[in-house]
Amino acid sequence: MKAYEFPANITTEGKIELPDVILQNLATNQQVKVIILVNEPTEAEQEEAAWQRLAAEQLLKGYSEDDAIYDTI
């Protein structure tokens, strides 16, 4: 089995864009094995996301139905 390694993007339609140089080396109508490796968020990024979620939750806890009057201003 031959392997090719290259960076690729996922389109908004959910498809993987293959570089033209790779497509030129692949025969059409053949089955291929795909392995997808994605970057995981760093610990700092995960912590920042957790703080943002907590801040949003705390903000919404302080919002009451009486505050809805300010939404029309």
PDB file of N, CA and C in Angstrom:
ATOM      1  N   MET A   1       0.848  -1.172   0.000  1.00  0.00           N
ATOM      2  CA  MET A   1       0.000   0.000   0.000  1.00  0.00           C
ATOM      3  C   MET A   1       0.898   1.240   0.000  1.00  0.00           C
ATOM      4  N   LYS A   2       0.585   2.199  -0.843  1.00  0.00           N
ATOM      5  CA  LYS A   2       1.356   3.433  -0.960  1.00  0.00           C
ATOM      6  C   LYS A   2       0.664   4.529  -0.152  1.00  0.00           C
ATOM      7  N   ALA A   3       1.440   5.382   0.520  1.00  0.00           N
ATOM      8  CA  ALA A   3       0.881   6.447   1.351  1.00  0.00           C
ATOM      9  C   ALA A   3       1.288   7.814   0.821  1.00  0.00           C
ATOM     10  N   TYR A   4       0.372   8.758   0.903  1.00  0.00           N
ATOM     11  CA  TYR A   4       0.632  10.154   0.572  1.00  0.00           C
ATOM     12  C   TYR A   4       0.283  10.978   1.805  1.00  0.00           C
ATOM     13  N   GLU A   5       1.128  11.929   2.143  1.00  0.00           N
ATOM     14  CA  GLU A   5       0.843  12.811   3.278  1.00  0.00           C
ATOM     15  C   GLU A   5       0.843  14.246   2.777  1.00  0.00           C
ATOM     16  N   PHE A   6      -0.216  14.973   3.120  1.00  0.00           N
ATOM     17  CA  PHE A   6      -0.350  16.357   2.673  1.00  0.00           C
ATOM     18  C   PHE A   6      -1.393  17.055   3.541  1.00  0.00           C
ATOM     19  N   PRO A   7      -1.298  18.372   3.673  1.00  0.00           N
ATOM     20  CA  PRO A   7      -2.344  19.105   4.390  1.00  0.00           C
ATOM     21  C   PRO A   7      -3.556  19.255   3.476  1.00  0.00           C
ATOM     22  N   ALA A   8      -4.729  19.258   4.053  1.00  0.00           N
ATOM     23  CA  ALA A   8      -5.953  19.405   3.271  1.00  0.00           C
ATOM     24  C   ALA A   8      -6.959  20.216   4.070  1.00  0.00           C
ATOM     25  N   ASN A   9      -7.966  20.694   3.383  1.00  0.00           N
ATOM     26  CA  ASN A   9      -9.041  21.454   4.013  1.00  0.00           C
ATOM     27  C   ASN A   9     -10.358  20.730   3.830  1.00  0.00           C
ATOM     28  N   ILE A  10     -11.253  20.940   4.792  1.00  0.00           N
ATOM     29  CA  ILE A  10     -12.621  20.448   4.680  1.00  0.00           C
ATOM     30  C   ILE A  10     -13.461  21.613   4.163  1.00  0.00           C
ATOM     31  N   THR A  11     -14.193  21.390   3.089  1.00  0.00           N
ATOM     32  CA  THR A  11     -15.023  22.451   2.519  1.00  0.00           C
ATOM     33  C   THR A  11     -16.271  22.650   3.370  1.00  0.00           C
ATOM     34  N   THR A  12     -16.995  23.718   3.094  1.00  0.00           N
ATOM     35  CA  THR A  12     -18.250  23.968   3.811  1.00  0.00           C
ATOM     36  C   THR A  12     -19.287  22.892   3.499  1.00  0.00           C
ATOM     37  N   GLU A  13     -19.091  22.171   2.405  1.00  0.00           N
ATOM     38  CA  GLU A  13     -19.987  21.059   2.061  1.00  0.00           C
ATOM     39  C   GLU A  13     -19.575  19.766   2.757  1.00  0.00           C
ATOM     40  N   GLY A  14     -18.479  19.819   3.522  1.00  0.00           N
ATOM     41  CA  GLY A  14     -18.020  18.642   4.254  1.00  0.00           C
ATOM     42  C   GLY A  14     -17.161  17.697   3.432  1.00  0.00           C
ATOM     43  N   LYS A  15     -16.571  18.189   2.372  1.00  0.00           N
ATOM     44  CA  LYS A  15     -15.723  17.357   1.519  1.00  0.00           C
ATOM     45  C   LYS A  15     -14.256  17.716   1.723  1.00  0.00           C
ATOM     46  N   ILE A  16     -13.390  16.731   1.565  1.00  0.00           N
ATOM     47  CA  ILE A  16     -11.951  16.948   1.688  1.00  0.00           C
ATOM     48  C   ILE A  16     -11.409  17.366   0.326  1.00  0.00           C
ATOM     49  N   GLU A  17     -10.697  18.486   0.308  1.00  0.00           N
ATOM     50  CA  GLU A  17     -10.062  18.948  -0.928  1.00  0.00           C
ATOM     51  C   GLU A  17      -8.690  18.295  -1.050  1.00  0.00           C
ATOM     52  N   LEU A  18      -8.479  17.570  -2.137  1.00  0.00           N
ATOM     53  CA  LEU A  18      -7.184  16.936  -2.384  1.00  0.00           C
ATOM     54  C   LEU A  18      -6.371  17.809  -3.332  1.00  0.00           C
ATOM     55  N   PRO A  19      -5.079  17.958  -3.077  1.00  0.00           N
ATOM     56  CA  PRO A  19      -4.232  18.730  -3.994  1.00  0.00           C
ATOM     57  C   PRO A  19      -4.202  18.074  -5.379  1.00  0.00           C
ATOM     58  N   ASP A  20      -4.103  18.900  -6.406  1.00  0.00           N
ATOM     59  CA  ASP A  20      -4.080  18.392  -7.786  1.00  0.00           C
ATOM     60  C   ASP A  20      -2.952  17.397  -8.015  1.00  0.00           C
ATOM     61  N   VAL A  21      -1.787  17.647  -7.422  1.00  0.00           N
ATOM     62  CA  VAL A  21      -0.646  16.747  -7.620  1.00  0.00           C
ATOM     63  C   VAL A  21      -0.964  15.345  -7.087  1.00  0.00           C
ATOM     64  N   ILE A  22      -1.746  15.257  -6.045  1.00  0.00           N
ATOM     65  CA  ILE A  22      -2.150  13.948  -5.501  1.00  0.00           C
ATOM     66  C   ILE A  22      -3.174  13.304  -6.428  1.00  0.00           C
ATOM     67  N   LEU A  23      -4.149  14.087  -6.858  1.00  0.00           N
ATOM     68  CA  LEU A  23      -5.183  13.548  -7.748  1.00  0.00           C
ATOM     69  C   LEU A  23      -4.584  12.983  -9.032  1.00  0.00           C
ATOM     70  N   GLN A  24      -3.535  13.599  -9.519  1.00  0.00           N
ATOM     71  CA  GLN A  24      -2.892  13.125 -10.746  1.00  0.00           C
ATOM     72  C   GLN A  24      -2.244  11.756 -10.556  1.00  0.00           C
ATOM     73  N   ASN A  25      -1.884  11.428  -9.322  1.00  0.00           N
ATOM     74  CA  ASN A  25      -1.229  10.146  -9.043  1.00  0.00           C
ATOM     75  C   ASN A  25      -2.208   9.037  -8.659  1.00  0.00           C
ATOM     76  N   LEU A  26      -3.485   9.351  -8.572  1.00  0.00           N
ATOM     77  CA  LEU A  26      -4.476   8.351  -8.175  1.00  0.00           C
ATOM     78  C   LEU A  26      -5.288   7.887  -9.372  1.00  0.00           C
ATOM     79  N   ALA A  27      -5.444   6.589  -9.481  1.00  0.00           N
ATOM     80  CA  ALA A  27      -6.310   6.037 -10.526  1.00  0.00           C
ATOM     81  C   ALA A  27      -7.762   6.271 -10.118  1.00  0.00           C
ATOM     82  N   THR A  28      -8.606   6.534 -11.097  1.00  0.00           N
ATOM     83  CA  THR A  28     -10.022   6.761 -10.791  1.00  0.00           C
ATOM     84  C   THR A  28     -10.722   5.443 -10.482  1.00  0.00           C
ATOM     85  N   ASN A  29     -11.842   5.545  -9.827  1.00  0.00           N
ATOM     86  CA  ASN A  29     -12.684   4.395  -9.478  1.00  0.00           C
ATOM     87  C   ASN A  29     -11.948   3.328  -8.685  1.00  0.00           C
ATOM     88  N   GLN A  30     -11.091   3.738  -7.780  1.00  0.00           N
ATOM     89  CA  GLN A  30     -10.439   2.774  -6.898  1.00  0.00           C
ATOM     90  C   GLN A  30     -10.795   3.108  -5.453  1.00  0.00           C
ATOM     91  N   GLN A  31     -10.822   2.094  -4.638  1.00  0.00           N
ATOM     92  CA  GLN A  31     -11.097   2.290  -3.225  1.00  0.00           C
ATOM     93  C   GLN A  31      -9.790   2.668  -2.528  1.00  0.00           C
ATOM     94  N   VAL A  32      -9.874   3.619  -1.595  1.00  0.00           N
ATOM     95  CA  VAL A  32      -8.692   4.060  -0.853  1.00  0.00           C
ATOM     96  C   VAL A  32      -8.988   4.008   0.641  1.00  0.00           C
ATOM     97  N   LYS A  33      -7.944   3.918   1.430  1.00  0.00           N
ATOM     98  CA  LYS A  33      -8.068   3.966   2.884  1.00  0.00           C
ATOM     99  C   LYS A  33      -7.716   5.386   3.313  1.00  0.00           C
ATOM    100  N   VAL A  34      -8.566   5.994   4.143  1.00  0.00           N
ATOM    101  CA  VAL A  34      -8.364   7.376   4.566  1.00  0.00           C
ATOM    102  C   VAL A  34      -8.151   7.419   6.073  1.00  0.00           C
ATOM    103  N   ILE A  35      -7.118   8.115   6.497  1.00  0.00           N
ATOM    104  CA  ILE A  35      -6.859   8.366   7.914  1.00  0.00           C
ATOM    105  C   ILE A  35      -6.827   9.878   8.078  1.00  0.00           C
ATOM    106  N   ILE A  36      -7.652  10.404   8.964  1.00  0.00           N
ATOM    107  CA  ILE A  36      -7.720  11.848   9.159  1.00  0.00           C
ATOM    108  C   ILE A  36      -7.138  12.202  10.519  1.00  0.00           C
ATOM    109  N   LEU A  37      -6.157  13.085  10.519  1.00  0.00           N
ATOM    110  CA  LEU A  37      -5.535  13.574  11.747  1.00  0.00           C
ATOM    111  C   LEU A  37      -5.887  15.050  11.890  1.00  0.00           C
ATOM    112  N   VAL A  38      -6.438  15.426  13.032  1.00  0.00           N
ATOM    113  CA  VAL A  38      -6.789  16.826  13.278  1.00  0.00           C
ATOM    114  C   VAL A  38      -6.060  17.324  14.518  1.00  0.00           C
ATOM    115  N   ASN A  39      -5.771  18.606  14.530  1.00  0.00           N
ATOM    116  CA  ASN A  39      -5.133  19.201  15.697  1.00  0.00           C
ATOM    117  C   ASN A  39      -6.135  19.282  16.842  1.00  0.00           C
ATOM    118  N   GLU A  40      -5.690  18.928  18.023  1.00  0.00           N
ATOM    119  CA  GLU A  40      -6.529  19.047  19.204  1.00  0.00           C
ATOM    120  C   GLU A  40      -6.239  20.382  19.873  1.00  0.00           C
ATOM    121  N   PRO A  41      -7.248  20.958  20.533  1.00  0.00           N
ATOM    122  CA  PRO A  41      -7.000  22.223  21.221  1.00  0.00           C
ATOM    123  C   PRO A  41      -5.977  22.039  22.341  1.00  0.00           C
ATOM    124  N   THR A  42      -5.167  23.059  22.545  1.00  0.00           N
ATOM    125  CA  THR A  42      -4.183  23.008  23.620  1.00  0.00           C
ATOM    126  C   THR A  42      -4.895  23.137  24.959  1.00  0.00           C
ATOM    127  N   GLU A  43      -4.175  22.857  26.023  1.00  0.00           N
ATOM    128  CA  GLU A  43      -4.751  22.976  27.361  1.00  0.00           C
ATOM    129  C   GLU A  43      -5.194  24.417  27.618  1.00  0.00           C
ATOM    130  N   ALA A  44      -4.410  25.374  27.166  1.00  0.00           N
ATOM    131  CA  ALA A  44      -4.760  26.787  27.355  1.00  0.00           C
ATOM    132  C   ALA A  44      -6.038  27.137  26.592  1.00  0.00           C
ATOM    133  N   GLU A  45      -6.190  26.612  25.373  1.00  0.00           N
ATOM    134  CA  GLU A  45      -7.399  26.868  24.586  1.00  0.00           C
ATOM    135  C   GLU A  45      -8.622  26.237  25.242  1.00  0.00           C
ATOM    136  N   GLN A  46      -8.464  25.028  25.786  1.00  0.00           N
ATOM    137  CA  GLN A  46      -9.571  24.368  26.473  1.00  0.00           C
ATOM    138  C   GLN A  46      -9.972  25.147  27.720  1.00  0.00           C
ATOM    139  N   GLU A  47      -8.971  25.649  28.451  1.00  0.00           N
ATOM    140  CA  GLU A  47      -9.249  26.419  29.664  1.00  0.00           C
ATOM    141  C   GLU A  47      -9.960  27.726  29.316  1.00  0.00           C
ATOM    142  N   GLU A  48      -9.519  28.388  28.261  1.00  0.00           N
ATOM    143  CA  GLU A  48     -10.157  29.635  27.830  1.00  0.00           C
ATOM    144  C   GLU A  48     -11.612  29.381  27.439  1.00  0.00           C
ATOM    145  N   ALA A  49     -11.876  28.299  26.722  1.00  0.00           N
ATOM    146  CA  ALA A  49     -13.242  27.958  26.324  1.00  0.00           C
ATOM    147  C   ALA A  49     -14.103  27.676  27.549  1.00  0.00           C
ATOM    148  N   ALA A  50     -13.540  27.004  28.550  1.00  0.00           N
ATOM    149  CA  ALA A  50     -14.282  26.714  29.780  1.00  0.00           C
ATOM    150  C   ALA A  50     -14.635  28.009  30.508  1.00  0.00           C
ATOM    151  N   TRP A  51     -13.703  28.949  30.576  1.00  0.00           N
ATOM    152  CA  TRP A  51     -13.974  30.238  31.226  1.00  0.00           C
ATOM    153  C   TRP A  51     -15.058  31.004  30.472  1.00  0.00           C
ATOM    154  N   GLN A  52     -15.029  30.957  29.164  1.00  0.00           N
ATOM    155  CA  GLN A  52     -16.045  31.652  28.370  1.00  0.00           C
ATOM    156  C   GLN A  52     -17.428  31.048  28.595  1.00  0.00           C
ATOM    157  N   ARG A  53     -17.493  29.703  28.670  1.00  0.00           N
ATOM    158  CA  ARG A  53     -18.775  29.044  28.950  1.00  0.00           C
ATOM    159  C   ARG A  53     -19.292  29.446  30.323  1.00  0.00           C
ATOM    160  N   LEU A  54     -18.394  29.441  31.327  1.00  0.00           N
ATOM    161  CA  LEU A  54     -18.777  29.805  32.685  1.00  0.00           C
ATOM    162  C   LEU A  54     -19.274  31.244  32.738  1.00  0.00           C
ATOM    163  N   ALA A  55     -18.582  32.155  32.066  1.00  0.00           N
ATOM    164  CA  ALA A  55     -18.993  33.559  32.054  1.00  0.00           C
ATOM    165  C   ALA A  55     -20.377  33.708  31.431  1.00  0.00           C
ATOM    166  N   ALA A  56     -20.627  33.006  30.331  1.00  0.00           N
ATOM    167  CA  ALA A  56     -21.933  33.076  29.675  1.00  0.00           C
ATOM    168  C   ALA A  56     -23.022  32.511  30.574  1.00  0.00           C
ATOM    169  N   GLU A  57     -22.744  31.393  31.234  1.00  0.00           N
ATOM    170  CA  GLU A  57     -23.726  30.790  32.142  1.00  0.00           C
ATOM    171  C   GLU A  57     -24.055  31.735  33.288  1.00  0.00           C
ATOM    172  N   GLN A  58     -23.031  32.352  33.873  1.00  0.00           N
ATOM    173  CA  GLN A  58     -23.239  33.264  34.995  1.00  0.00           C
ATOM    174  C   GLN A  58     -24.015  34.505  34.556  1.00  0.00           C
ATOM    175  N   LEU A  59     -23.725  35.005  33.368  1.00  0.00           N
ATOM    176  CA  LEU A  59     -24.442  36.164  32.850  1.00  0.00           C
ATOM    177  C   LEU A  59     -25.921  35.837  32.679  1.00  0.00           C
ATOM    178  N   LEU A  60     -26.211  34.674  32.105  1.00  0.00           N
ATOM    179  CA  LEU A  60     -27.602  34.296  31.871  1.00  0.00           C
ATOM    180  C   LEU A  60     -28.341  33.992  33.165  1.00  0.00           C
ATOM    181  N   LYS A  61     -27.633  33.523  34.190  1.00  0.00           N
ATOM    182  CA  LYS A  61     -28.274  33.283  35.485  1.00  0.00           C
ATOM    183  C   LYS A  61     -28.806  34.583  36.075  1.00  0.00           C
ATOM    184  N   GLY A  62     -28.109  35.680  35.814  1.00  0.00           N
ATOM    185  CA  GLY A  62     -28.510  36.971  36.357  1.00  0.00           C
ATOM    186  C   GLY A  62     -29.603  37.649  35.556  1.00  0.00           C
ATOM    187  N   TYR A  63     -29.997  37.072  34.436  1.00  0.00           N
ATOM    188  CA  TYR A  63     -31.020  37.654  33.571  1.00  0.00           C
ATOM    189  C   TYR A  63     -32.383  37.150  34.007  1.00  0.00           C
ATOM    190  N   SER A  64     -33.325  38.054  34.226  1.00  0.00           N
ATOM    191  CA  SER A  64     -34.676  37.637  34.616  1.00  0.00           C
ATOM    192  C   SER A  64     -35.679  38.135  33.580  1.00  0.00           C
ATOM    193  N   GLU A  65     -36.910  37.678  33.687  1.00  0.00           N
ATOM    194  CA  GLU A  65     -37.966  38.098  32.761  1.00  0.00           C
ATOM    195  C   GLU A  65     -38.179  39.608  32.835  1.00  0.00           C
ATOM    196  N   ASP A  66     -37.977  40.199  34.011  1.00  0.00           N
ATOM    197  CA  ASP A  66     -38.138  41.646  34.172  1.00  0.00           C
ATOM    198  C   ASP A  66     -37.145  42.423  33.314  1.00  0.00           C
ATOM    199  N   ASP A  67     -36.008  41.809  33.004  1.00  0.00           N
ATOM    200  CA  ASP A  67     -34.989  42.474  32.192  1.00  0.00           C
ATOM    201  C   ASP A  67     -35.367  42.522  30.711  1.00  0.00           C
ATOM    202  N   ALA A  68     -36.381  41.784  30.308  1.00  0.00           N
ATOM    203  CA  ALA A  68     -36.774  41.725  28.900  1.00  0.00           C
ATOM    204  C   ALA A  68     -37.199  43.094  28.379  1.00  0.00           C
ATOM    205  N   ILE A  69     -37.648  43.961  29.246  1.00  0.00           N
ATOM    206  CA  ILE A  69     -38.061  45.303  28.826  1.00  0.00           C
ATOM    207  C   ILE A  69     -36.911  46.057  28.165  1.00  0.00           C
ATOM    208  N   TYR A  70     -35.685  45.779  28.582  1.00  0.00           N
ATOM    209  CA  TYR A  70     -34.522  46.467  28.016  1.00  0.00           C
ATOM    210  C   TYR A  70     -34.180  45.971  26.612  1.00  0.00           C
ATOM    211  N   ASP A  71     -34.706  44.826  26.230  1.00  0.00           N
ATOM    212  CA  ASP A  71     -34.438  44.288  24.896  1.00  0.00           C
ATOM    213  C   ASP A  71     -35.099  45.122  23.800  1.00  0.00           C
ATOM    214  N   THR A  72     -36.105  45.904  24.155  1.00  0.00           N
ATOM    215  CA  THR A  72     -36.840  46.696  23.162  1.00  0.00           C
ATOM    216  C   THR A  72     -36.294  48.108  23.014  1.00  0.00           C
ATOM    217  N   ILE A  73     -35.304  48.451  23.788  1.00  0.00           N
ATOM    218  CA  ILE A  73     -34.750  49.817  23.735  1.00  0.00           C
ATOM    219  C   ILE A  73     -33.826  49.953  22.553  1.00  0.00           C
TER     220      ILE A  73
END
